[in-house]
Amino acid sequence: MDSEATIQALKTLVKNFIVKRDWVKYHNPKDLAEAICIEAAELLEIFQWATVEEVSSWKNIPSKMTSIKDELADVLIYCLSMSNVLDIDISEIVSEKLSKNEVKYPANKYFGRAHLE
């Protein structure tokens, strides 16, 4: 698939993958939320005990990047599946959330810092 695939195209790929394996019965919001958390924890585990300096060098280590990409893909696949099950437009919800965050975290107050003192 083209690396510039649309979100809808990815949702369709995920849906077709699940249907072909008769896994639809396992893809309900509760189980998908659990799966997202589990896969996110597996992604986090890659970084466990590594320093910021170590992690910054991983872009040049193919085995590390493969592990990160695989776990990130798993998280995204389950997110896409949940959006299919709940008929959620991902582009819409991300845009809406960013708009909320623009109000909550105005650039003039939060530029260069994660929180106010």
PDB file of N, CA and C in Angstrom:
ATOM      1  N   MET A   1       0.839  -1.190   0.000  1.00  0.00           N
ATOM      2  CA  MET A   1       0.000   0.000   0.000  1.00  0.00           C
ATOM      3  C   MET A   1       0.876   1.243   0.000  1.00  0.00           C
ATOM      4  N   ASP A   2       0.402   2.262  -0.640  1.00  0.00           N
ATOM      5  CA  ASP A   2       1.056   3.564  -0.707  1.00  0.00           C
ATOM      6  C   ASP A   2       1.264   4.105   0.709  1.00  0.00           C
ATOM      7  N   SER A   3       2.450   4.630   0.995  1.00  0.00           N
ATOM      8  CA  SER A   3       2.723   5.157   2.338  1.00  0.00           C
ATOM      9  C   SER A   3       1.911   6.411   2.631  1.00  0.00           C
ATOM     10  N   GLU A   4       1.290   6.984   1.631  1.00  0.00           N
ATOM     11  CA  GLU A   4       0.439   8.165   1.812  1.00  0.00           C
ATOM     12  C   GLU A   4      -1.042   7.771   1.820  1.00  0.00           C
ATOM     13  N   ALA A   5      -1.342   6.562   2.240  1.00  0.00           N
ATOM     14  CA  ALA A   5      -2.725   6.074   2.260  1.00  0.00           C
ATOM     15  C   ALA A   5      -3.584   6.957   3.157  1.00  0.00           C
ATOM     16  N   THR A   6      -4.826   7.080   2.793  1.00  0.00           N
ATOM     17  CA  THR A   6      -5.744   7.862   3.610  1.00  0.00           C
ATOM     18  C   THR A   6      -6.156   7.066   4.840  1.00  0.00           C
ATOM     19  N   ILE A   7      -6.672   7.772   5.819  1.00  0.00           N
ATOM     20  CA  ILE A   7      -7.159   7.098   7.017  1.00  0.00           C
ATOM     21  C   ILE A   7      -8.281   6.129   6.644  1.00  0.00           C
ATOM     22  N   GLN A   8      -9.156   6.551   5.748  1.00  0.00           N
ATOM     23  CA  GLN A   8     -10.263   5.668   5.338  1.00  0.00           C
ATOM     24  C   GLN A   8      -9.733   4.404   4.675  1.00  0.00           C
ATOM     25  N   ALA A   9      -8.701   4.529   3.860  1.00  0.00           N
ATOM     26  CA  ALA A   9      -8.116   3.343   3.213  1.00  0.00           C
ATOM     27  C   ALA A   9      -7.524   2.405   4.259  1.00  0.00           C
ATOM     28  N   LEU A  10      -6.897   2.963   5.273  1.00  0.00           N
ATOM     29  CA  LEU A  10      -6.343   2.127   6.343  1.00  0.00           C
ATOM     30  C   LEU A  10      -7.452   1.454   7.138  1.00  0.00           C
ATOM     31  N   LYS A  11      -8.519   2.190   7.410  1.00  0.00           N
ATOM     32  CA  LYS A  11      -9.666   1.592   8.116  1.00  0.00           C
ATOM     33  C   LYS A  11     -10.232   0.424   7.322  1.00  0.00           C
ATOM     34  N   THR A  12     -10.297   0.571   6.029  1.00  0.00           N
ATOM     35  CA  THR A  12     -10.811  -0.503   5.175  1.00  0.00           C
ATOM     36  C   THR A  12      -9.877  -1.706   5.210  1.00  0.00           C
ATOM     37  N   LEU A  13      -8.574  -1.476   5.143  1.00  0.00           N
ATOM     38  CA  LEU A  13      -7.609  -2.578   5.237  1.00  0.00           C
ATOM     39  C   LEU A  13      -7.774  -3.342   6.546  1.00  0.00           C
ATOM     40  N   VAL A  14      -7.900  -2.613   7.639  1.00  0.00           N
ATOM     41  CA  VAL A  14      -8.060  -3.240   8.946  1.00  0.00           C
ATOM     42  C   VAL A  14      -9.363  -4.036   8.993  1.00  0.00           C
ATOM     43  N   LYS A  15     -10.438  -3.424   8.527  1.00  0.00           N
ATOM     44  CA  LYS A  15     -11.743  -4.105   8.530  1.00  0.00           C
ATOM     45  C   LYS A  15     -11.685  -5.389   7.710  1.00  0.00           C
ATOM     46  N   ASN A  16     -11.107  -5.331   6.523  1.00  0.00           N
ATOM     47  CA  ASN A  16     -11.010  -6.517   5.662  1.00  0.00           C
ATOM     48  C   ASN A  16     -10.163  -7.606   6.309  1.00  0.00           C
ATOM     49  N   PHE A  17      -9.083  -7.224   6.944  1.00  0.00           N
ATOM     50  CA  PHE A  17      -8.215  -8.181   7.633  1.00  0.00           C
ATOM     51  C   PHE A  17      -9.004  -8.924   8.709  1.00  0.00           C
ATOM     52  N   ILE A  18      -9.784  -8.182   9.483  1.00  0.00           N
ATOM     53  CA  ILE A  18     -10.568  -8.763  10.579  1.00  0.00           C
ATOM     54  C   ILE A  18     -11.689  -9.653  10.045  1.00  0.00           C
ATOM     55  N   VAL A  19     -12.376  -9.195   9.017  1.00  0.00           N
ATOM     56  CA  VAL A  19     -13.486  -9.967   8.439  1.00  0.00           C
ATOM     57  C   VAL A  19     -12.970 -11.283   7.866  1.00  0.00           C
ATOM     58  N   LYS A  20     -11.860 -11.255   7.149  1.00  0.00           N
ATOM     59  CA  LYS A  20     -11.310 -12.467   6.533  1.00  0.00           C
ATOM     60  C   LYS A  20     -10.960 -13.539   7.557  1.00  0.00           C
ATOM     61  N   ARG A  21     -10.740 -13.150   8.793  1.00  0.00           N
ATOM     62  CA  ARG A  21     -10.354 -14.097   9.836  1.00  0.00           C
ATOM     63  C   ARG A  21     -11.503 -14.405  10.803  1.00  0.00           C
ATOM     64  N   ASP A  22     -12.679 -13.855  10.537  1.00  0.00           N
ATOM     65  CA  ASP A  22     -13.845 -14.028  11.402  1.00  0.00           C
ATOM     66  C   ASP A  22     -13.539 -13.574  12.830  1.00  0.00           C
ATOM     67  N   TRP A  23     -12.887 -12.422  12.948  1.00  0.00           N
ATOM     68  CA  TRP A  23     -12.549 -11.865  14.253  1.00  0.00           C
ATOM     69  C   TRP A  23     -13.495 -10.746  14.665  1.00  0.00           C
ATOM     70  N   VAL A  24     -14.506 -10.460  13.846  1.00  0.00           N
ATOM     71  CA  VAL A  24     -15.422  -9.362  14.161  1.00  0.00           C
ATOM     72  C   VAL A  24     -16.020  -9.548  15.554  1.00  0.00           C
ATOM     73  N   LYS A  25     -16.323 -10.786  15.916  1.00  0.00           N
ATOM     74  CA  LYS A  25     -16.938 -11.071  17.217  1.00  0.00           C
ATOM     75  C   LYS A  25     -16.045 -10.675  18.395  1.00  0.00           C
ATOM     76  N   TYR A  26     -14.751 -10.530  18.155  1.00  0.00           N
ATOM     77  CA  TYR A  26     -13.816 -10.148  19.217  1.00  0.00           C
ATOM     78  C   TYR A  26     -13.555  -8.639  19.245  1.00  0.00           C
ATOM     79  N   HIS A  27     -14.000  -7.956  18.217  1.00  0.00           N
ATOM     80  CA  HIS A  27     -13.701  -6.528  18.094  1.00  0.00           C
ATOM     81  C   HIS A  27     -14.890  -5.687  18.563  1.00  0.00           C
ATOM     82  N   ASN A  28     -15.019  -5.619  19.883  1.00  0.00           N
ATOM     83  CA  ASN A  28     -16.029  -4.782  20.521  1.00  0.00           C
ATOM     84  C   ASN A  28     -15.288  -3.676  21.273  1.00  0.00           C
ATOM     85  N   PRO A  29     -15.956  -2.593  21.596  1.00  0.00           N
ATOM     86  CA  PRO A  29     -15.255  -1.461  22.219  1.00  0.00           C
ATOM     87  C   PRO A  29     -14.455  -1.812  23.479  1.00  0.00           C
ATOM     88  N   LYS A  30     -15.014  -2.638  24.348  1.00  0.00           N
ATOM     89  CA  LYS A  30     -14.296  -2.999  25.581  1.00  0.00           C
ATOM     90  C   LYS A  30     -13.001  -3.741  25.278  1.00  0.00           C
ATOM     91  N   ASP A  31     -13.098  -4.781  24.460  1.00  0.00           N
ATOM     92  CA  ASP A  31     -11.911  -5.571  24.161  1.00  0.00           C
ATOM     93  C   ASP A  31     -10.891  -4.781  23.343  1.00  0.00           C
ATOM     94  N   LEU A  32     -11.368  -3.912  22.474  1.00  0.00           N
ATOM     95  CA  LEU A  32     -10.448  -3.087  21.699  1.00  0.00           C
ATOM     96  C   LEU A  32      -9.742  -2.073  22.588  1.00  0.00           C
ATOM     97  N   ALA A  33     -10.447  -1.500  23.553  1.00  0.00           N
ATOM     98  CA  ALA A  33      -9.804  -0.568  24.495  1.00  0.00           C
ATOM     99  C   ALA A  33      -8.711  -1.285  25.284  1.00  0.00           C
ATOM    100  N   GLU A  34      -9.007  -2.509  25.702  1.00  0.00           N
ATOM    101  CA  GLU A  34      -7.995  -3.303  26.408  1.00  0.00           C
ATOM    102  C   GLU A  34      -6.799  -3.572  25.508  1.00  0.00           C
ATOM    103  N   ALA A  35      -7.059  -3.953  24.265  1.00  0.00           N
ATOM    104  CA  ALA A  35      -5.983  -4.264  23.327  1.00  0.00           C
ATOM    105  C   ALA A  35      -5.118  -3.040  23.051  1.00  0.00           C
ATOM    106  N   ILE A  36      -5.758  -1.869  22.927  1.00  0.00           N
ATOM    107  CA  ILE A  36      -4.991  -0.638  22.713  1.00  0.00           C
ATOM    108  C   ILE A  36      -4.049  -0.406  23.883  1.00  0.00           C
ATOM    109  N   CYS A  37      -4.549  -0.570  25.099  1.00  0.00           N
ATOM    110  CA  CYS A  37      -3.707  -0.372  26.286  1.00  0.00           C
ATOM    111  C   CYS A  37      -2.565  -1.374  26.355  1.00  0.00           C
ATOM    112  N   ILE A  38      -2.860  -2.606  26.034  1.00  0.00           N
ATOM    113  CA  ILE A  38      -1.829  -3.652  26.075  1.00  0.00           C
ATOM    114  C   ILE A  38      -0.741  -3.363  25.050  1.00  0.00           C
ATOM    115  N   GLU A  39      -1.139  -3.005  23.839  1.00  0.00           N
ATOM    116  CA  GLU A  39      -0.151  -2.713  22.799  1.00  0.00           C
ATOM    117  C   GLU A  39       0.630  -1.442  23.125  1.00  0.00           C
ATOM    118  N   ALA A  40      -0.035  -0.454  23.717  1.00  0.00           N
ATOM    119  CA  ALA A  40       0.673   0.761  24.132  1.00  0.00           C
ATOM    120  C   ALA A  40       1.702   0.425  25.207  1.00  0.00           C
ATOM    121  N   ALA A  41       1.358  -0.498  26.097  1.00  0.00           N
ATOM    122  CA  ALA A  41       2.308  -0.921  27.127  1.00  0.00           C
ATOM    123  C   ALA A  41       3.499  -1.647  26.502  1.00  0.00           C
ATOM    124  N   GLU A  42       3.245  -2.430  25.457  1.00  0.00           N
ATOM    125  CA  GLU A  42       4.350  -3.106  24.763  1.00  0.00           C
ATOM    126  C   GLU A  42       5.259  -2.084  24.082  1.00  0.00           C
ATOM    127  N   LEU A  43       4.682  -1.023  23.553  1.00  0.00           N
ATOM    128  CA  LEU A  43       5.486   0.055  22.982  1.00  0.00           C
ATOM    129  C   LEU A  43       6.309   0.726  24.079  1.00  0.00           C
ATOM    130  N   LEU A  44       5.675   1.018  25.192  1.00  0.00           N
ATOM    131  CA  LEU A  44       6.362   1.647  26.314  1.00  0.00           C
ATOM    132  C   LEU A  44       7.504   0.777  26.848  1.00  0.00           C
ATOM    133  N   GLU A  45       7.281  -0.531  26.840  1.00  0.00           N
ATOM    134  CA  GLU A  45       8.295  -1.453  27.357  1.00  0.00           C
ATOM    135  C   GLU A  45       9.624  -1.325  26.607  1.00  0.00           C
ATOM    136  N   ILE A  46       9.570  -1.013  25.334  1.00  0.00           N
ATOM    137  CA  ILE A  46      10.795  -0.828  24.551  1.00  0.00           C
ATOM    138  C   ILE A  46      11.665   0.271  25.155  1.00  0.00           C
ATOM    139  N   PHE A  47      11.011   1.286  25.715  1.00  0.00           N
ATOM    140  CA  PHE A  47      11.726   2.448  26.247  1.00  0.00           C
ATOM    141  C   PHE A  47      12.091   2.319  27.720  1.00  0.00           C
ATOM    142  N   GLN A  48      11.593   1.264  28.359  1.00  0.00           N
ATOM    143  CA  GLN A  48      11.822   1.097  29.798  1.00  0.00           C
ATOM    144  C   GLN A  48      13.306   1.089  30.112  1.00  0.00           C
ATOM    145  N   TRP A  49      13.694   1.904  31.049  1.00  0.00           N
ATOM    146  CA  TRP A  49      15.045   2.038  31.588  1.00  0.00           C
ATOM    147  C   TRP A  49      16.039   2.695  30.630  1.00  0.00           C
ATOM    148  N   ALA A  50      15.620   3.056  29.450  1.00  0.00           N
ATOM    149  CA  ALA A  50      16.524   3.741  28.525  1.00  0.00           C
ATOM    150  C   ALA A  50      16.567   5.226  28.878  1.00  0.00           C
ATOM    151  N   THR A  51      17.718   5.828  28.700  1.00  0.00           N
ATOM    152  CA  THR A  51      17.847   7.260  28.936  1.00  0.00           C
ATOM    153  C   THR A  51      17.398   8.014  27.687  1.00  0.00           C
ATOM    154  N   VAL A  52      17.131   9.290  27.854  1.00  0.00           N
ATOM    155  CA  VAL A  52      16.756  10.129  26.723  1.00  0.00           C
ATOM    156  C   VAL A  52      17.877  10.112  25.683  1.00  0.00           C
ATOM    157  N   GLU A  53      19.107  10.119  26.141  1.00  0.00           N
ATOM    158  CA  GLU A  53      20.253  10.087  25.231  1.00  0.00           C
ATOM    159  C   GLU A  53      20.300   8.785  24.431  1.00  0.00           C
ATOM    160  N   GLU A  54      20.051   7.664  25.091  1.00  0.00           N
ATOM    161  CA  GLU A  54      20.033   6.377  24.391  1.00  0.00           C
ATOM    162  C   GLU A  54      18.936   6.353  23.328  1.00  0.00           C
ATOM    163  N   VAL A  55      17.767   6.788  23.715  1.00  0.00           N
ATOM    164  CA  VAL A  55      16.625   6.759  22.810  1.00  0.00           C
ATOM    165  C   VAL A  55      16.877   7.631  21.580  1.00  0.00           C
ATOM    166  N   SER A  56      17.547   8.749  21.768  1.00  0.00           N
ATOM    167  CA  SER A  56      17.794   9.650  20.634  1.00  0.00           C
ATOM    168  C   SER A  56      18.672   9.011  19.564  1.00  0.00           C
ATOM    169  N   SER A  57      19.420   7.976  19.913  1.00  0.00           N
ATOM    170  CA  SER A  57      20.278   7.302  18.931  1.00  0.00           C
ATOM    171  C   SER A  57      19.576   6.148  18.218  1.00  0.00           C
ATOM    172  N   TRP A  58      18.384   5.795  18.648  1.00  0.00           N
ATOM    173  CA  TRP A  58      17.701   4.618  18.115  1.00  0.00           C
ATOM    174  C   TRP A  58      17.262   4.762  16.672  1.00  0.00           C
ATOM    175  N   LYS A  59      17.140   5.974  16.179  1.00  0.00           N
ATOM    176  CA  LYS A  59      16.757   6.154  14.770  1.00  0.00           C
ATOM    177  C   LYS A  59      17.754   5.477  13.836  1.00  0.00           C
ATOM    178  N   ASN A  60      18.962   5.291  14.313  1.00  0.00           N
ATOM    179  CA  ASN A  60      20.024   4.677  13.510  1.00  0.00           C
ATOM    180  C   ASN A  60      20.225   3.200  13.822  1.00  0.00           C
ATOM    181  N   ILE A  61      19.339   2.612  14.614  1.00  0.00           N
ATOM    182  CA  ILE A  61      19.451   1.196  14.970  1.00  0.00           C
ATOM    183  C   ILE A  61      18.221   0.479  14.402  1.00  0.00           C
ATOM    184  N   PRO A  62      18.400  -0.200  13.259  1.00  0.00           N
ATOM    185  CA  PRO A  62      17.249  -0.829  12.586  1.00  0.00           C
ATOM    186  C   PRO A  62      16.421  -1.754  13.479  1.00  0.00           C
ATOM    187  N   SER A  63      17.044  -2.528  14.326  1.00  0.00           N
ATOM    188  CA  SER A  63      16.285  -3.460  15.166  1.00  0.00           C
ATOM    189  C   SER A  63      15.388  -2.710  16.155  1.00  0.00           C
ATOM    190  N   LYS A  64      15.878  -1.625  16.714  1.00  0.00           N
ATOM    191  CA  LYS A  64      15.062  -0.820  17.628  1.00  0.00           C
ATOM    192  C   LYS A  64      13.902  -0.183  16.873  1.00  0.00           C
ATOM    193  N   MET A  65      14.192   0.376  15.704  1.00  0.00           N
ATOM    194  CA  MET A  65      13.156   1.034  14.922  1.00  0.00           C
ATOM    195  C   MET A  65      12.083   0.035  14.471  1.00  0.00           C
ATOM    196  N   THR A  66      12.497  -1.181  14.131  1.00  0.00           N
ATOM    197  CA  THR A  66      11.534  -2.211  13.741  1.00  0.00           C
ATOM    198  C   THR A  66      10.589  -2.518  14.896  1.00  0.00           C
ATOM    199  N   SER A  67      11.143  -2.664  16.088  1.00  0.00           N
ATOM    200  CA  SER A  67      10.312  -2.945  17.264  1.00  0.00           C
ATOM    201  C   SER A  67       9.341  -1.802  17.536  1.00  0.00           C
ATOM    202  N   ILE A  68       9.823  -0.580  17.466  1.00  0.00           N
ATOM    203  CA  ILE A  68       8.977   0.592  17.707  1.00  0.00           C
ATOM    204  C   ILE A  68       7.878   0.663  16.651  1.00  0.00           C
ATOM    205  N   LYS A  69       8.243   0.503  15.400  1.00  0.00           N
ATOM    206  CA  LYS A  69       7.254   0.561  14.316  1.00  0.00           C
ATOM    207  C   LYS A  69       6.199  -0.521  14.466  1.00  0.00           C
ATOM    208  N   ASP A  70       6.615  -1.731  14.800  1.00  0.00           N
ATOM    209  CA  ASP A  70       5.663  -2.832  14.956  1.00  0.00           C
ATOM    210  C   ASP A  70       4.663  -2.553  16.068  1.00  0.00           C
ATOM    211  N   GLU A  71       5.144  -2.087  17.210  1.00  0.00           N
ATOM    212  CA  GLU A  71       4.236  -1.838  18.337  1.00  0.00           C
ATOM    213  C   GLU A  71       3.350  -0.623  18.074  1.00  0.00           C
ATOM    214  N   LEU A  72       3.902   0.407  17.462  1.00  0.00           N
ATOM    215  CA  LEU A  72       3.097   1.575  17.116  1.00  0.00           C
ATOM    216  C   LEU A  72       2.006   1.189  16.115  1.00  0.00           C
ATOM    217  N   ALA A  73       2.355   0.352  15.154  1.00  0.00           N
ATOM    218  CA  ALA A  73       1.369  -0.123  14.181  1.00  0.00           C
ATOM    219  C   ALA A  73       0.263  -0.905  14.877  1.00  0.00           C
ATOM    220  N   ASP A  74       0.618  -1.750  15.840  1.00  0.00           N
ATOM    221  CA  ASP A  74      -0.406  -2.504  16.581  1.00  0.00           C
ATOM    222  C   ASP A  74      -1.378  -1.561  17.287  1.00  0.00           C
ATOM    223  N   VAL A  75      -0.855  -0.531  17.934  1.00  0.00           N
ATOM    224  CA  VAL A  75      -1.721   0.444  18.610  1.00  0.00           C
ATOM    225  C   VAL A  75      -2.660   1.091  17.594  1.00  0.00           C
ATOM    226  N   LEU A  76      -2.109   1.534  16.487  1.00  0.00           N
ATOM    227  CA  LEU A  76      -2.918   2.207  15.473  1.00  0.00           C
ATOM    228  C   LEU A  76      -3.954   1.280  14.842  1.00  0.00           C
ATOM    229  N   ILE A  77      -3.587   0.032  14.608  1.00  0.00           N
ATOM    230  CA  ILE A  77      -4.528  -0.929  14.035  1.00  0.00           C
ATOM    231  C   ILE A  77      -5.738  -1.104  14.948  1.00  0.00           C
ATOM    232  N   TYR A  78      -5.492  -1.258  16.251  1.00  0.00           N
ATOM    233  CA  TYR A  78      -6.618  -1.397  17.180  1.00  0.00           C
ATOM    234  C   TYR A  78      -7.430  -0.106  17.268  1.00  0.00           C
ATOM    235  N   CYS A  79      -6.780   1.049  17.177  1.00  0.00           N
ATOM    236  CA  CYS A  79      -7.519   2.320  17.164  1.00  0.00           C
ATOM    237  C   CYS A  79      -8.390   2.417  15.917  1.00  0.00           C
ATOM    238  N   LEU A  80      -7.851   2.024  14.777  1.00  0.00           N
ATOM    239  CA  LEU A  80      -8.636   2.034  13.545  1.00  0.00           C
ATOM    240  C   LEU A  80      -9.813   1.066  13.643  1.00  0.00           C
ATOM    241  N   SER A  81      -9.575  -0.086  14.242  1.00  0.00           N
ATOM    242  CA  SER A  81     -10.661  -1.052  14.408  1.00  0.00           C
ATOM    243  C   SER A  81     -11.754  -0.483  15.306  1.00  0.00           C
ATOM    244  N   MET A  82     -11.368   0.178  16.392  1.00  0.00           N
ATOM    245  CA  MET A  82     -12.373   0.774  17.265  1.00  0.00           C
ATOM    246  C   MET A  82     -13.159   1.847  16.526  1.00  0.00           C
ATOM    247  N   SER A  83     -12.474   2.626  15.705  1.00  0.00           N
ATOM    248  CA  SER A  83     -13.193   3.656  14.950  1.00  0.00           C
ATOM    249  C   SER A  83     -14.161   3.013  13.955  1.00  0.00           C
ATOM    250  N   ASN A  84     -13.815   1.853  13.422  1.00  0.00           N
ATOM    251  CA  ASN A  84     -14.743   1.127  12.545  1.00  0.00           C
ATOM    252  C   ASN A  84     -15.966   0.650  13.322  1.00  0.00           C
ATOM    253  N   VAL A  85     -15.730   0.038  14.460  1.00  0.00           N
ATOM    254  CA  VAL A  85     -16.813  -0.534  15.266  1.00  0.00           C
ATOM    255  C   VAL A  85     -17.786   0.554  15.735  1.00  0.00           C
ATOM    256  N   LEU A  86     -17.249   1.711  16.103  1.00  0.00           N
ATOM    257  CA  LEU A  86     -18.086   2.781  16.645  1.00  0.00           C
ATOM    258  C   LEU A  86     -18.453   3.833  15.600  1.00  0.00           C
ATOM    259  N   ASP A  87     -18.068   3.578  14.361  1.00  0.00           N
ATOM    260  CA  ASP A  87     -18.366   4.495  13.253  1.00  0.00           C
ATOM    261  C   ASP A  87     -17.901   5.924  13.563  1.00  0.00           C
ATOM    262  N   ILE A  88     -16.623   6.024  13.918  1.00  0.00           N
ATOM    263  CA  ILE A  88     -16.015   7.305  14.273  1.00  0.00           C
ATOM    264  C   ILE A  88     -15.138   7.779  13.123  1.00  0.00           C
ATOM    265  N   ASP A  89     -15.295   9.034  12.762  1.00  0.00           N
ATOM    266  CA  ASP A  89     -14.471   9.673  11.744  1.00  0.00           C
ATOM    267  C   ASP A  89     -13.209  10.201  12.431  1.00  0.00           C
ATOM    268  N   ILE A  90     -12.100   9.531  12.215  1.00  0.00           N
ATOM    269  CA  ILE A  90     -10.858   9.870  12.901  1.00  0.00           C
ATOM    270  C   ILE A  90     -10.384  11.277  12.552  1.00  0.00           C
ATOM    271  N   SER A  91     -10.454  11.642  11.288  1.00  0.00           N
ATOM    272  CA  SER A  91     -10.028  12.991  10.893  1.00  0.00           C
ATOM    273  C   SER A  91     -10.830  14.039  11.652  1.00  0.00           C
ATOM    274  N   GLU A  92     -12.103  13.801  11.771  1.00  0.00           N
ATOM    275  CA  GLU A  92     -12.984  14.752  12.462  1.00  0.00           C
ATOM    276  C   GLU A  92     -12.643  14.858  13.940  1.00  0.00           C
ATOM    277  N   ILE A  93     -12.478  13.717  14.615  1.00  0.00           N
ATOM    278  CA  ILE A  93     -12.245  13.781  16.057  1.00  0.00           C
ATOM    279  C   ILE A  93     -10.870  14.345  16.396  1.00  0.00           C
ATOM    280  N   VAL A  94      -9.877  14.076  15.556  1.00  0.00           N
ATOM    281  CA  VAL A  94      -8.545  14.640  15.799  1.00  0.00           C
ATOM    282  C   VAL A  94      -8.597  16.156  15.601  1.00  0.00           C
ATOM    283  N   SER A  95      -9.251  16.601  14.553  1.00  0.00           N
ATOM    284  CA  SER A  95      -9.390  18.047  14.316  1.00  0.00           C
ATOM    285  C   SER A  95     -10.129  18.719  15.469  1.00  0.00           C
ATOM    286  N   GLU A  96     -11.223  18.090  15.917  1.00  0.00           N
ATOM    287  CA  GLU A  96     -11.988  18.651  17.031  1.00  0.00           C
ATOM    288  C   GLU A  96     -11.156  18.722  18.310  1.00  0.00           C
ATOM    289  N   LYS A  97     -10.404  17.677  18.585  1.00  0.00           N
ATOM    290  CA  LYS A  97      -9.588  17.657  19.809  1.00  0.00           C
ATOM    291  C   LYS A  97      -8.474  18.697  19.737  1.00  0.00           C
ATOM    292  N   LEU A  98      -7.866  18.854  18.576  1.00  0.00           N
ATOM    293  CA  LEU A  98      -6.842  19.886  18.434  1.00  0.00           C
ATOM    294  C   LEU A  98      -7.427  21.277  18.631  1.00  0.00           C
ATOM    295  N   SER A  99      -8.649  21.494  18.170  1.00  0.00           N
ATOM    296  CA  SER A  99      -9.319  22.786  18.386  1.00  0.00           C
ATOM    297  C   SER A  99      -9.540  23.027  19.883  1.00  0.00           C
ATOM    298  N   LYS A 100      -9.980  22.002  20.593  1.00  0.00           N
ATOM    299  CA  LYS A 100     -10.150  22.123  22.045  1.00  0.00           C
ATOM    300  C   LYS A 100      -8.815  22.427  22.719  1.00  0.00           C
ATOM    301  N   ASN A 101      -7.755  21.749  22.263  1.00  0.00           N
ATOM    302  CA  ASN A 101      -6.436  21.955  22.859  1.00  0.00           C
ATOM    303  C   ASN A 101      -5.886  23.341  22.559  1.00  0.00           C
ATOM    304  N   GLU A 102      -6.258  23.911  21.399  1.00  0.00           N
ATOM    305  CA  GLU A 102      -5.854  25.282  21.070  1.00  0.00           C
ATOM    306  C   GLU A 102      -6.380  26.247  22.130  1.00  0.00           C
ATOM    307  N   VAL A 103      -7.610  26.023  22.582  1.00  0.00           N
ATOM    308  CA  VAL A 103      -8.215  26.869  23.603  1.00  0.00           C
ATOM    309  C   VAL A 103      -7.592  26.585  24.965  1.00  0.00           C
ATOM    310  N   LYS A 104      -7.425  25.305  25.270  1.00  0.00           N
ATOM    311  CA  LYS A 104      -6.911  24.894  26.578  1.00  0.00           C
ATOM    312  C   LYS A 104      -5.440  25.262  26.755  1.00  0.00           C
ATOM    313  N   TYR A 105      -4.660  25.177  25.673  1.00  0.00           N
ATOM    314  CA  TYR A 105      -3.223  25.435  25.725  1.00  0.00           C
ATOM    315  C   TYR A 105      -2.831  26.478  24.676  1.00  0.00           C
ATOM    316  N   PRO A 106      -3.181  27.745  24.882  1.00  0.00           N
ATOM    317  CA  PRO A 106      -2.843  28.753  23.881  1.00  0.00           C
ATOM    318  C   PRO A 106      -1.330  28.879  23.712  1.00  0.00           C
ATOM    319  N   ALA A 107      -0.906  29.005  22.478  1.00  0.00           N
ATOM    320  CA  ALA A 107       0.525  29.046  22.165  1.00  0.00           C
ATOM    321  C   ALA A 107       1.235  30.174  22.891  1.00  0.00           C
ATOM    322  N   ASN A 108       0.577  31.311  23.047  1.00  0.00           N
ATOM    323  CA  ASN A 108       1.250  32.438  23.697  1.00  0.00           C
ATOM    324  C   ASN A 108       1.541  32.183  25.169  1.00  0.00           C
ATOM    325  N   LYS A 109       0.803  31.269  25.803  1.00  0.00           N
ATOM    326  CA  LYS A 109       1.054  30.930  27.210  1.00  0.00           C
ATOM    327  C   LYS A 109       1.933  29.689  27.372  1.00  0.00           C
ATOM    328  N   TYR A 110       1.849  28.770  26.423  1.00  0.00           N
ATOM    329  CA  TYR A 110       2.511  27.480  26.584  1.00  0.00           C
ATOM    330  C   TYR A 110       3.700  27.286  25.651  1.00  0.00           C
ATOM    331  N   PHE A 111       4.083  28.298  24.919  1.00  0.00           N
ATOM    332  CA  PHE A 111       5.186  28.157  23.973  1.00  0.00           C
ATOM    333  C   PHE A 111       6.453  27.729  24.708  1.00  0.00           C
ATOM    334  N   GLY A 112       6.971  26.566  24.332  1.00  0.00           N
ATOM    335  CA  GLY A 112       8.228  26.067  24.902  1.00  0.00           C
ATOM    336  C   GLY A 112       8.124  25.450  26.275  1.00  0.00           C
ATOM    337  N   ARG A 113       6.911  25.278  26.801  1.00  0.00           N
ATOM    338  CA  ARG A 113       6.784  24.643  28.112  1.00  0.00           C
ATOM    339  C   ARG A 113       5.506  23.802  28.173  1.00  0.00           C
ATOM    340  N   ALA A 114       5.564  22.794  28.990  1.00  0.00           N
ATOM    341  CA  ALA A 114       4.452  21.851  29.068  1.00  0.00           C
ATOM    342  C   ALA A 114       3.362  22.325  30.036  1.00  0.00           C
ATOM    343  N   HIS A 115       3.703  23.179  30.972  1.00  0.00           N
ATOM    344  CA  HIS A 115       2.719  23.657  31.949  1.00  0.00           C
ATOM    345  C   HIS A 115       3.133  25.033  32.447  1.00  0.00           C
ATOM    346  N   LEU A 116       2.172  25.740  33.000  1.00  0.00           N
ATOM    347  CA  LEU A 116       2.457  27.044  33.594  1.00  0.00           C
ATOM    348  C   LEU A 116       2.970  26.864  34.993  1.00  0.00           C
ATOM    349  N   GLU A 117       3.764  27.784  35.416  1.00  0.00           N
ATOM    350  CA  GLU A 117       4.299  27.709  36.794  1.00  0.00           C
ATOM    351  C   GLU A 117       3.387  28.360  37.772  1.00  0.00           C
TER     352      GLU A 117
END
